[in-house]
Amino acid sequence: MTNIWYAMRNSSSCYPMADTRLQPEDRDYVGALASGLTVLQAFDSEHARMTLTEVAKVTGMDRAKARRFLLTLHALDYLRKEGRYFTLAPKVLNLGQAYQASNPYRAVIQRHLESITDELGESSSLAVLDGQDVVYEIRSAARHRLMAITLAVGTRLPAAYSSMGRVLLAQMPSAELEEWLADWQPEAHTQNAITNVSALRQAIDKVRTEGFAMVDQELDLGLRSIAVPVFSASGVLLGAINVSTNAARVDHHTLLGKYLPRLKKTAEAIKKASQ
């Protein structure tokens, strides 16, 4: 990952700011902003409608603090209030829409993924790494369903157990990867899943050598996928693209002999289109 430097000027000097994370104890860290975002993120499929007490419990805040943030977010139209209950308001979608709109290659990538689906009859997606998860940014879904959950833009899956996640982890500098692995919590989603750091590190090293990742039923029984990285013409990592399929229907030979070349061709086309 490339460090990004910003010039911050005042009357006497210029201060470089590296792409590093502030800590809560740092002077420039705005705790109120962080708390407000924590409240927003507390609402999900399992907590779509909550009272003040429930928000305080989910976020770990005291009731007085949670109340102030809830009422402020309500005043800004990010939350709706119905009696004792709070729910997310449509304005929250503006945040995600702005992120999607900021990707200048989105339309091009979408067309290429749809072309893969038309040709292979399989779902194809682009995801990026966010902490311990991959987040689906662009997706072309086949008609058949592969997982118990519905995969869509915004879906998060554990990076360690997805082909796109392992491709993205393989792009990390070694020191940064070791930090990521130190925070990783193994989980045996299936009997095929990797459950120790050493094995995952070896799997990532294999991806670095081969240039692709194949994950076979480690996240969900019956789910088999293969992925490659996608770069812009200037060498910026845009994400990883994959093809996911049913293990009973598509064998390893087909994944490697037919699907992998198609993914590589698509990655190259996206790279050329970003010039």
C-alpha atoms as a PDB file:
ATOM      1  CA  MET A   1       0.000   0.000   0.000  1.00  0.00           C
ATOM      2  CA  THR A   2       1.308   3.382  -0.963  1.00  0.00           C
ATOM      3  CA  ASN A   3       1.547   6.092   1.660  1.00  0.00           C
ATOM      4  CA  ILE A   4      -0.366   9.220   0.740  1.00  0.00           C
ATOM      5  CA  TRP A   5       1.039  12.556   1.871  1.00  0.00           C
ATOM      6  CA  TYR A   6      -0.970  15.680   2.331  1.00  0.00           C
ATOM      7  CA  ALA A   7       0.359  19.208   2.739  1.00  0.00           C
ATOM      8  CA  MET A   8      -1.122  20.940   5.766  1.00  0.00           C
ATOM      9  CA  ARG A   9      -0.112  24.589   5.794  1.00  0.00           C
ATOM     10  CA  ASN A  10      -0.379  27.218   8.462  1.00  0.00           C
ATOM     11  CA  SER A  11       1.293  30.599   8.762  1.00  0.00           C
ATOM     12  CA  SER A  12       4.753  29.225   9.486  1.00  0.00           C
ATOM     13  CA  SER A  13       5.243  25.646   8.359  1.00  0.00           C
ATOM     14  CA  CYS A  14       4.166  22.682   6.256  1.00  0.00           C
ATOM     15  CA  TYR A  15       3.283  19.435   8.046  1.00  0.00           C
ATOM     16  CA  PRO A  16       3.301  16.096   6.192  1.00  0.00           C
ATOM     17  CA  MET A  17       0.573  13.706   7.300  1.00  0.00           C
ATOM     18  CA  ALA A  18       1.226  10.050   6.480  1.00  0.00           C
ATOM     19  CA  ASP A  19      -1.534   7.548   5.818  1.00  0.00           C
ATOM     20  CA  THR A  20      -1.387   6.239   9.395  1.00  0.00           C
ATOM     21  CA  ARG A  21      -4.191   5.739  11.878  1.00  0.00           C
ATOM     22  CA  LEU A  22      -4.711   8.082  14.786  1.00  0.00           C
ATOM     23  CA  GLN A  23      -5.221   6.556  18.202  1.00  0.00           C
ATOM     24  CA  PRO A  24      -7.973   7.718  20.593  1.00  0.00           C
ATOM     25  CA  GLU A  25      -5.389   9.384  22.808  1.00  0.00           C
ATOM     26  CA  ASP A  26      -4.009  11.504  19.945  1.00  0.00           C
ATOM     27  CA  ARG A  27      -4.752  15.227  19.990  1.00  0.00           C
ATOM     28  CA  ASP A  28      -6.304  15.252  16.516  1.00  0.00           C
ATOM     29  CA  TYR A  29      -8.659  12.340  17.258  1.00  0.00           C
ATOM     30  CA  VAL A  30     -12.273  13.566  17.476  1.00  0.00           C
ATOM     31  CA  GLY A  31     -13.966  11.290  19.957  1.00  0.00           C
ATOM     32  CA  ALA A  32     -17.441  12.726  19.417  1.00  0.00           C
ATOM     33  CA  LEU A  33     -17.304  11.974  15.700  1.00  0.00           C
ATOM     34  CA  ALA A  34     -16.114   8.433  16.408  1.00  0.00           C
ATOM     35  CA  SER A  35     -18.952   7.889  18.882  1.00  0.00           C
ATOM     36  CA  GLY A  36     -21.541   9.188  16.439  1.00  0.00           C
ATOM     37  CA  LEU A  37     -20.353   6.785  13.772  1.00  0.00           C
ATOM     38  CA  THR A  38     -20.394   3.967  16.319  1.00  0.00           C
ATOM     39  CA  VAL A  39     -24.064   4.672  16.963  1.00  0.00           C
ATOM     40  CA  LEU A  40     -24.864   4.618  13.245  1.00  0.00           C
ATOM     41  CA  GLN A  41     -23.000   1.351  12.763  1.00  0.00           C
ATOM     42  CA  ALA A  42     -24.889  -0.235  15.651  1.00  0.00           C
ATOM     43  CA  PHE A  43     -27.931  -0.541  13.403  1.00  0.00           C
ATOM     44  CA  ASP A  44     -27.820  -3.679  11.265  1.00  0.00           C
ATOM     45  CA  SER A  45     -29.989  -6.611  10.218  1.00  0.00           C
ATOM     46  CA  GLU A  46     -30.143  -7.877  13.802  1.00  0.00           C
ATOM     47  CA  HIS A  47     -30.656  -4.403  15.314  1.00  0.00           C
ATOM     48  CA  ALA A  48     -32.790  -2.601  12.757  1.00  0.00           C
ATOM     49  CA  ARG A  49     -35.008  -0.928  15.370  1.00  0.00           C
ATOM     50  CA  MET A  50     -33.678  -0.040  18.821  1.00  0.00           C
ATOM     51  CA  THR A  51     -34.545   1.918  21.916  1.00  0.00           C
ATOM     52  CA  LEU A  52     -32.105   4.185  23.728  1.00  0.00           C
ATOM     53  CA  THR A  53     -31.389   1.407  26.215  1.00  0.00           C
ATOM     54  CA  GLU A  54     -30.658  -1.083  23.444  1.00  0.00           C
ATOM     55  CA  VAL A  55     -28.330   1.338  21.616  1.00  0.00           C
ATOM     56  CA  ALA A  56     -26.450   2.012  24.836  1.00  0.00           C
ATOM     57  CA  LYS A  57     -26.023  -1.727  25.382  1.00  0.00           C
ATOM     58  CA  VAL A  58     -24.886  -2.480  21.817  1.00  0.00           C
ATOM     59  CA  THR A  59     -22.393   0.408  21.719  1.00  0.00           C
ATOM     60  CA  GLY A  60     -21.186   0.120  25.315  1.00  0.00           C
ATOM     61  CA  MET A  61     -22.069   3.766  25.984  1.00  0.00           C
ATOM     62  CA  ASP A  62     -23.862   5.128  29.024  1.00  0.00           C
ATOM     63  CA  ARG A  63     -27.461   6.152  28.408  1.00  0.00           C
ATOM     64  CA  ALA A  64     -26.827   9.902  28.611  1.00  0.00           C
ATOM     65  CA  LYS A  65     -24.102   9.784  25.970  1.00  0.00           C
ATOM     66  CA  ALA A  66     -26.069   7.480  23.681  1.00  0.00           C
ATOM     67  CA  ARG A  67     -29.118   9.747  24.006  1.00  0.00           C
ATOM     68  CA  ARG A  68     -27.183  12.827  22.863  1.00  0.00           C
ATOM     69  CA  PHE A  69     -25.860  11.085  19.773  1.00  0.00           C
ATOM     70  CA  LEU A  70     -29.209   9.545  18.890  1.00  0.00           C
ATOM     71  CA  LEU A  71     -30.986  12.886  19.119  1.00  0.00           C
ATOM     72  CA  THR A  72     -28.254  14.642  17.125  1.00  0.00           C
ATOM     73  CA  LEU A  73     -28.380  12.028  14.362  1.00  0.00           C
ATOM     74  CA  HIS A  74     -32.165  12.339  14.392  1.00  0.00           C
ATOM     75  CA  ALA A  75     -31.872  16.125  14.045  1.00  0.00           C
ATOM     76  CA  LEU A  76     -29.552  15.616  11.054  1.00  0.00           C
ATOM     77  CA  ASP A  77     -32.063  13.196   9.452  1.00  0.00           C
ATOM     78  CA  TYR A  78     -29.768  10.167   9.663  1.00  0.00           C
ATOM     79  CA  LEU A  79     -32.176   8.467  12.076  1.00  0.00           C
ATOM     80  CA  ARG A  80     -35.939   8.215  12.334  1.00  0.00           C
ATOM     81  CA  LYS A  81     -37.704   8.245  15.692  1.00  0.00           C
ATOM     82  CA  GLU A  82     -40.987   6.453  16.302  1.00  0.00           C
ATOM     83  CA  GLY A  83     -41.972   6.672  19.944  1.00  0.00           C
ATOM     84  CA  ARG A  84     -39.174   4.981  21.905  1.00  0.00           C
ATOM     85  CA  TYR A  85     -37.610   3.421  18.838  1.00  0.00           C
ATOM     86  CA  PHE A  86     -34.910   4.645  16.457  1.00  0.00           C
ATOM     87  CA  THR A  87     -34.267   3.346  12.929  1.00  0.00           C
ATOM     88  CA  LEU A  88     -31.909   4.365  10.145  1.00  0.00           C
ATOM     89  CA  ALA A  89     -33.259   7.017   7.780  1.00  0.00           C
ATOM     90  CA  PRO A  90     -32.826   7.073   3.978  1.00  0.00           C
ATOM     91  CA  LYS A  91     -30.244   9.857   4.248  1.00  0.00           C
ATOM     92  CA  VAL A  92     -27.726   7.222   5.409  1.00  0.00           C
ATOM     93  CA  LEU A  93     -27.728   5.947   1.821  1.00  0.00           C
ATOM     94  CA  ASN A  94     -26.091   9.203   0.738  1.00  0.00           C
ATOM     95  CA  LEU A  95     -22.872   8.101   2.422  1.00  0.00           C
ATOM     96  CA  GLY A  96     -22.694   4.844   0.500  1.00  0.00           C
ATOM     97  CA  GLN A  97     -23.775   6.477  -2.739  1.00  0.00           C
ATOM     98  CA  ALA A  98     -21.024   9.066  -2.470  1.00  0.00           C
ATOM     99  CA  TYR A  99     -18.451   6.303  -1.995  1.00  0.00           C
ATOM    100  CA  GLN A 100     -19.732   4.376  -5.002  1.00  0.00           C
ATOM    101  CA  ALA A 101     -19.858   7.481  -7.163  1.00  0.00           C
ATOM    102  CA  SER A 102     -16.235   8.287  -6.313  1.00  0.00           C
ATOM    103  CA  ASN A 103     -15.047   5.129  -8.113  1.00  0.00           C
ATOM    104  CA  PRO A 104     -14.327   6.281 -11.690  1.00  0.00           C
ATOM    105  CA  TYR A 105     -14.026   2.685 -12.923  1.00  0.00           C
ATOM    106  CA  ARG A 106     -17.271   1.352 -11.463  1.00  0.00           C
ATOM    107  CA  ALA A 107     -19.285   1.330 -14.699  1.00  0.00           C
ATOM    108  CA  VAL A 108     -16.455  -0.324 -16.639  1.00  0.00           C
ATOM    109  CA  ILE A 109     -15.942  -3.006 -14.000  1.00  0.00           C
ATOM    110  CA  GLN A 110     -19.683  -3.651 -13.777  1.00  0.00           C
ATOM    111  CA  ARG A 111     -19.878  -4.309 -17.511  1.00  0.00           C
ATOM    112  CA  HIS A 112     -16.935  -6.693 -17.384  1.00  0.00           C
ATOM    113  CA  LEU A 113     -18.391  -8.650 -14.464  1.00  0.00           C
ATOM    114  CA  GLU A 114     -21.725  -8.917 -16.231  1.00  0.00           C
ATOM    115  CA  SER A 115     -19.880 -10.236 -19.275  1.00  0.00           C
ATOM    116  CA  ILE A 116     -18.354 -12.983 -17.113  1.00  0.00           C
ATOM    117  CA  THR A 117     -21.783 -13.921 -15.779  1.00  0.00           C
ATOM    118  CA  ASP A 118     -23.268 -14.001 -19.297  1.00  0.00           C
ATOM    119  CA  GLU A 119     -20.453 -16.217 -20.564  1.00  0.00           C
ATOM    120  CA  LEU A 120     -19.950 -18.578 -17.627  1.00  0.00           C
ATOM    121  CA  GLY A 121     -23.372 -18.457 -15.984  1.00  0.00           C
ATOM    122  CA  GLU A 122     -21.701 -17.740 -12.637  1.00  0.00           C
ATOM    123  CA  SER A 123     -21.698 -14.840 -10.189  1.00  0.00           C
ATOM    124  CA  SER A 124     -18.735 -12.474 -10.345  1.00  0.00           C
ATOM    125  CA  SER A 125     -17.810  -9.698  -7.915  1.00  0.00           C
ATOM    126  CA  LEU A 126     -15.228  -7.095  -7.011  1.00  0.00           C
ATOM    127  CA  ALA A 127     -14.358  -6.595  -3.352  1.00  0.00           C
ATOM    128  CA  VAL A 128     -11.939  -4.522  -1.301  1.00  0.00           C
ATOM    129  CA  LEU A 129     -10.336  -5.181   2.063  1.00  0.00           C
ATOM    130  CA  ASP A 130     -11.714  -3.440   5.146  1.00  0.00           C
ATOM    131  CA  GLY A 131     -10.131  -4.603   8.385  1.00  0.00           C
ATOM    132  CA  GLN A 132     -10.711  -8.321   8.811  1.00  0.00           C
ATOM    133  CA  ASP A 133     -13.391  -8.417   6.111  1.00  0.00           C
ATOM    134  CA  VAL A 134     -13.817  -8.002   2.400  1.00  0.00           C
ATOM    135  CA  VAL A 135     -16.615  -5.694   1.313  1.00  0.00           C
ATOM    136  CA  TYR A 136     -18.456  -6.317  -1.941  1.00  0.00           C
ATOM    137  CA  GLU A 137     -18.305  -3.133  -4.046  1.00  0.00           C
ATOM    138  CA  ILE A 138     -19.530  -4.365  -7.430  1.00  0.00           C
ATOM    139  CA  ARG A 139     -21.426  -7.549  -8.199  1.00  0.00           C
ATOM    140  CA  SER A 140     -22.983  -9.422 -11.087  1.00  0.00           C
ATOM    141  CA  ALA A 141     -25.206 -12.170  -9.707  1.00  0.00           C
ATOM    142  CA  ALA A 142     -26.144 -15.378 -11.458  1.00  0.00           C
ATOM    143  CA  ARG A 143     -29.652 -16.704 -11.063  1.00  0.00           C
ATOM    144  CA  HIS A 144     -28.693 -19.635  -8.868  1.00  0.00           C
ATOM    145  CA  ARG A 145     -27.998 -18.924  -5.211  1.00  0.00           C
ATOM    146  CA  LEU A 146     -24.783 -20.223  -3.639  1.00  0.00           C
ATOM    147  CA  MET A 147     -24.911 -19.171   0.024  1.00  0.00           C
ATOM    148  CA  ALA A 148     -27.522 -19.059   2.740  1.00  0.00           C
ATOM    149  CA  ILE A 149     -27.102 -15.286   2.866  1.00  0.00           C
ATOM    150  CA  THR A 150     -27.812 -13.002  -0.076  1.00  0.00           C
ATOM    151  CA  LEU A 151     -24.620 -11.488  -1.435  1.00  0.00           C
ATOM    152  CA  ALA A 152     -24.964  -7.892  -2.593  1.00  0.00           C
ATOM    153  CA  VAL A 153     -23.039  -4.616  -2.749  1.00  0.00           C
ATOM    154  CA  GLY A 154     -22.046  -3.835   0.831  1.00  0.00           C
ATOM    155  CA  THR A 155     -21.968  -7.459   2.008  1.00  0.00           C
ATOM    156  CA  ARG A 156     -19.052  -8.243   4.280  1.00  0.00           C
ATOM    157  CA  LEU A 157     -17.344 -11.641   4.468  1.00  0.00           C
ATOM    158  CA  PRO A 158     -14.294 -12.754   6.482  1.00  0.00           C
ATOM    159  CA  ALA A 159     -11.239 -12.068   4.327  1.00  0.00           C
ATOM    160  CA  ALA A 160      -9.342 -15.133   5.491  1.00  0.00           C
ATOM    161  CA  TYR A 161     -11.996 -17.489   4.129  1.00  0.00           C
ATOM    162  CA  SER A 162     -12.730 -15.856   0.779  1.00  0.00           C
ATOM    163  CA  SER A 163     -10.717 -16.043  -2.430  1.00  0.00           C
ATOM    164  CA  MET A 164     -10.894 -12.267  -2.894  1.00  0.00           C
ATOM    165  CA  GLY A 165      -9.760 -11.743   0.687  1.00  0.00           C
ATOM    166  CA  ARG A 166      -6.679 -13.900   0.258  1.00  0.00           C
ATOM    167  CA  VAL A 167      -5.791 -12.155  -2.990  1.00  0.00           C
ATOM    168  CA  LEU A 168      -5.991  -8.791  -1.246  1.00  0.00           C
ATOM    169  CA  LEU A 169      -4.006  -9.997   1.757  1.00  0.00           C
ATOM    170  CA  ALA A 170      -1.311 -11.205  -0.622  1.00  0.00           C
ATOM    171  CA  GLN A 171      -0.863  -7.626  -1.849  1.00  0.00           C
ATOM    172  CA  MET A 172       0.071  -6.383   1.621  1.00  0.00           C
ATOM    173  CA  PRO A 173       3.688  -5.689   2.567  1.00  0.00           C
ATOM    174  CA  SER A 174       4.965  -8.439   4.864  1.00  0.00           C
ATOM    175  CA  ALA A 175       5.065  -6.256   7.996  1.00  0.00           C
ATOM    176  CA  GLU A 176       1.512  -5.054   7.470  1.00  0.00           C
ATOM    177  CA  LEU A 177       0.314  -8.603   6.835  1.00  0.00           C
ATOM    178  CA  GLU A 178       1.871  -9.776  10.090  1.00  0.00           C
ATOM    179  CA  GLU A 179      -0.048  -7.072  11.954  1.00  0.00           C
ATOM    180  CA  TRP A 180      -3.237  -8.223  10.255  1.00  0.00           C
ATOM    181  CA  LEU A 181      -2.563 -11.852  11.144  1.00  0.00           C
ATOM    182  CA  ALA A 182      -1.930 -10.894  14.776  1.00  0.00           C
ATOM    183  CA  ASP A 183      -5.496  -9.569  14.967  1.00  0.00           C
ATOM    184  CA  TRP A 184      -7.055 -12.472  13.077  1.00  0.00           C
ATOM    185  CA  GLN A 185      -9.495 -14.704  14.956  1.00  0.00           C
ATOM    186  CA  PRO A 186      -9.752 -18.147  13.263  1.00  0.00           C
ATOM    187  CA  GLU A 187     -13.233 -19.594  12.900  1.00  0.00           C
ATOM    188  CA  ALA A 188     -14.090 -23.052  11.601  1.00  0.00           C
ATOM    189  CA  HIS A 189     -17.013 -22.187   9.332  1.00  0.00           C
ATOM    190  CA  THR A 190     -16.686 -25.669   7.792  1.00  0.00           C
ATOM    191  CA  GLN A 191     -14.446 -28.690   8.299  1.00  0.00           C
ATOM    192  CA  ASN A 192     -12.303 -27.432   5.398  1.00  0.00           C
ATOM    193  CA  ALA A 193     -11.506 -24.097   7.000  1.00  0.00           C
ATOM    194  CA  ILE A 194      -7.973 -23.032   7.911  1.00  0.00           C
ATOM    195  CA  THR A 195      -7.810 -22.534  11.661  1.00  0.00           C
ATOM    196  CA  ASN A 196      -4.244 -21.466  12.441  1.00  0.00           C
ATOM    197  CA  VAL A 197      -2.026 -18.547  11.478  1.00  0.00           C
ATOM    198  CA  SER A 198       0.748 -20.671  10.032  1.00  0.00           C
ATOM    199  CA  ALA A 199      -1.567 -22.376   7.543  1.00  0.00           C
ATOM    200  CA  LEU A 200      -3.155 -19.082   6.512  1.00  0.00           C
ATOM    201  CA  ARG A 201       0.253 -17.466   6.025  1.00  0.00           C
ATOM    202  CA  GLN A 202       1.264 -20.381   3.789  1.00  0.00           C
ATOM    203  CA  ALA A 203      -1.956 -20.011   1.777  1.00  0.00           C
ATOM    204  CA  ILE A 204      -1.276 -16.297   1.288  1.00  0.00           C
ATOM    205  CA  ASP A 205       2.334 -16.983   0.264  1.00  0.00           C
ATOM    206  CA  LYS A 206       0.983 -19.408  -2.336  1.00  0.00           C
ATOM    207  CA  VAL A 207      -1.253 -16.665  -3.708  1.00  0.00           C
ATOM    208  CA  ARG A 208       1.748 -14.340  -3.961  1.00  0.00           C
ATOM    209  CA  THR A 209       3.591 -16.968  -5.979  1.00  0.00           C
ATOM    210  CA  GLU A 210       0.730 -18.047  -8.254  1.00  0.00           C
ATOM    211  CA  GLY A 211      -1.091 -14.729  -8.649  1.00  0.00           C
ATOM    212  CA  PHE A 212      -4.539 -16.073  -7.812  1.00  0.00           C
ATOM    213  CA  ALA A 213      -6.460 -17.637  -4.933  1.00  0.00           C
ATOM    214  CA  MET A 214      -8.840 -20.568  -4.911  1.00  0.00           C
ATOM    215  CA  VAL A 215     -10.889 -21.263  -1.790  1.00  0.00           C
ATOM    216  CA  ASP A 216     -12.791 -24.529  -1.634  1.00  0.00           C
ATOM    217  CA  GLN A 217     -15.714 -24.751   0.810  1.00  0.00           C
ATOM    218  CA  GLU A 218     -13.976 -23.029   3.726  1.00  0.00           C
ATOM    219  CA  LEU A 219     -16.681 -20.441   4.275  1.00  0.00           C
ATOM    220  CA  ASP A 220     -19.767 -22.384   3.237  1.00  0.00           C
ATOM    221  CA  LEU A 221     -20.160 -26.013   2.194  1.00  0.00           C
ATOM    222  CA  GLY A 222     -20.711 -26.187  -1.543  1.00  0.00           C
ATOM    223  CA  LEU A 223     -19.136 -22.780  -2.221  1.00  0.00           C
ATOM    224  CA  ARG A 224     -16.008 -22.790  -4.370  1.00  0.00           C
ATOM    225  CA  SER A 225     -14.412 -19.609  -5.718  1.00  0.00           C
ATOM    226  CA  ILE A 226     -11.357 -18.284  -7.513  1.00  0.00           C
ATOM    227  CA  ALA A 227     -10.032 -14.703  -7.592  1.00  0.00           C
ATOM    228  CA  VAL A 228      -7.309 -12.459  -9.013  1.00  0.00           C
ATOM    229  CA  PRO A 229      -6.184  -8.915  -8.167  1.00  0.00           C
ATOM    230  CA  VAL A 230      -7.178  -5.944 -10.317  1.00  0.00           C
ATOM    231  CA  PHE A 231      -4.896  -2.929 -10.818  1.00  0.00           C
ATOM    232  CA  SER A 232      -5.282   0.371 -12.609  1.00  0.00           C
ATOM    233  CA  ALA A 233      -2.902   1.306 -15.414  1.00  0.00           C
ATOM    234  CA  SER A 234      -0.890   3.324 -12.883  1.00  0.00           C
ATOM    235  CA  GLY A 235      -0.489   0.304 -10.606  1.00  0.00           C
ATOM    236  CA  VAL A 236      -3.100   1.196  -7.976  1.00  0.00           C
ATOM    237  CA  LEU A 237      -4.836  -1.832  -6.476  1.00  0.00           C
ATOM    238  CA  LEU A 238      -8.540  -1.489  -7.304  1.00  0.00           C
ATOM    239  CA  GLY A 239      -9.598  -4.677  -5.537  1.00  0.00           C
ATOM    240  CA  ALA A 240     -10.004  -8.342  -6.340  1.00  0.00           C
ATOM    241  CA  ILE A 241     -12.458  -9.979  -8.733  1.00  0.00           C
ATOM    242  CA  ASN A 242     -13.769 -13.504  -8.431  1.00  0.00           C
ATOM    243  CA  VAL A 243     -16.033 -16.139  -9.853  1.00  0.00           C
ATOM    244  CA  SER A 244     -17.989 -18.157  -7.310  1.00  0.00           C
ATOM    245  CA  THR A 245     -19.678 -21.438  -8.083  1.00  0.00           C
ATOM    246  CA  ASN A 246     -21.142 -24.648  -6.703  1.00  0.00           C
ATOM    247  CA  ALA A 247     -18.543 -27.270  -5.815  1.00  0.00           C
ATOM    248  CA  ALA A 248     -20.806 -30.104  -6.957  1.00  0.00           C
ATOM    249  CA  ARG A 249     -21.196 -28.549 -10.382  1.00  0.00           C
ATOM    250  CA  VAL A 250     -17.732 -27.136 -11.167  1.00  0.00           C
ATOM    251  CA  ASP A 251     -14.496 -29.005 -10.429  1.00  0.00           C
ATOM    252  CA  HIS A 252     -10.981 -27.657  -9.854  1.00  0.00           C
ATOM    253  CA  HIS A 253      -9.942 -28.386 -13.430  1.00  0.00           C
ATOM    254  CA  THR A 254     -12.701 -26.157 -14.778  1.00  0.00           C
ATOM    255  CA  LEU A 255     -11.890 -23.390 -12.303  1.00  0.00           C
ATOM    256  CA  LEU A 256      -8.227 -23.381 -13.277  1.00  0.00           C
ATOM    257  CA  GLY A 257      -8.581 -24.147 -16.971  1.00  0.00           C
ATOM    258  CA  LYS A 258     -11.598 -22.022 -17.868  1.00  0.00           C
ATOM    259  CA  TYR A 259     -12.549 -19.566 -15.113  1.00  0.00           C
ATOM    260  CA  LEU A 260      -9.049 -18.398 -14.130  1.00  0.00           C
ATOM    261  CA  PRO A 261      -8.026 -17.380 -17.684  1.00  0.00           C
ATOM    262  CA  ARG A 262     -11.330 -15.502 -18.011  1.00  0.00           C
ATOM    263  CA  LEU A 263     -10.650 -13.599 -14.769  1.00  0.00           C
ATOM    264  CA  LYS A 264      -7.106 -12.726 -15.857  1.00  0.00           C
ATOM    265  CA  LYS A 265      -8.409 -11.478 -19.187  1.00  0.00           C
ATOM    266  CA  THR A 266     -10.955  -9.315 -17.383  1.00  0.00           C
ATOM    267  CA  ALA A 267      -8.356  -7.905 -14.983  1.00  0.00           C
ATOM    268  CA  GLU A 268      -6.185  -6.908 -17.942  1.00  0.00           C
ATOM    269  CA  ALA A 269      -9.137  -5.311 -19.736  1.00  0.00           C
ATOM    270  CA  ILE A 270     -10.001  -3.259 -16.655  1.00  0.00           C
ATOM    271  CA  LYS A 271      -6.380  -2.174 -16.354  1.00  0.00           C
ATOM    272  CA  LYS A 272      -6.302  -0.994 -19.956  1.00  0.00           C
ATOM    273  CA  ALA A 273      -9.622   0.819 -19.557  1.00  0.00           C
ATOM    274  CA  SER A 274      -8.203   2.822 -16.627  1.00  0.00           C
ATOM    275  CA  GLN A 275      -5.473   4.458 -18.711  1.00  0.00           C
END
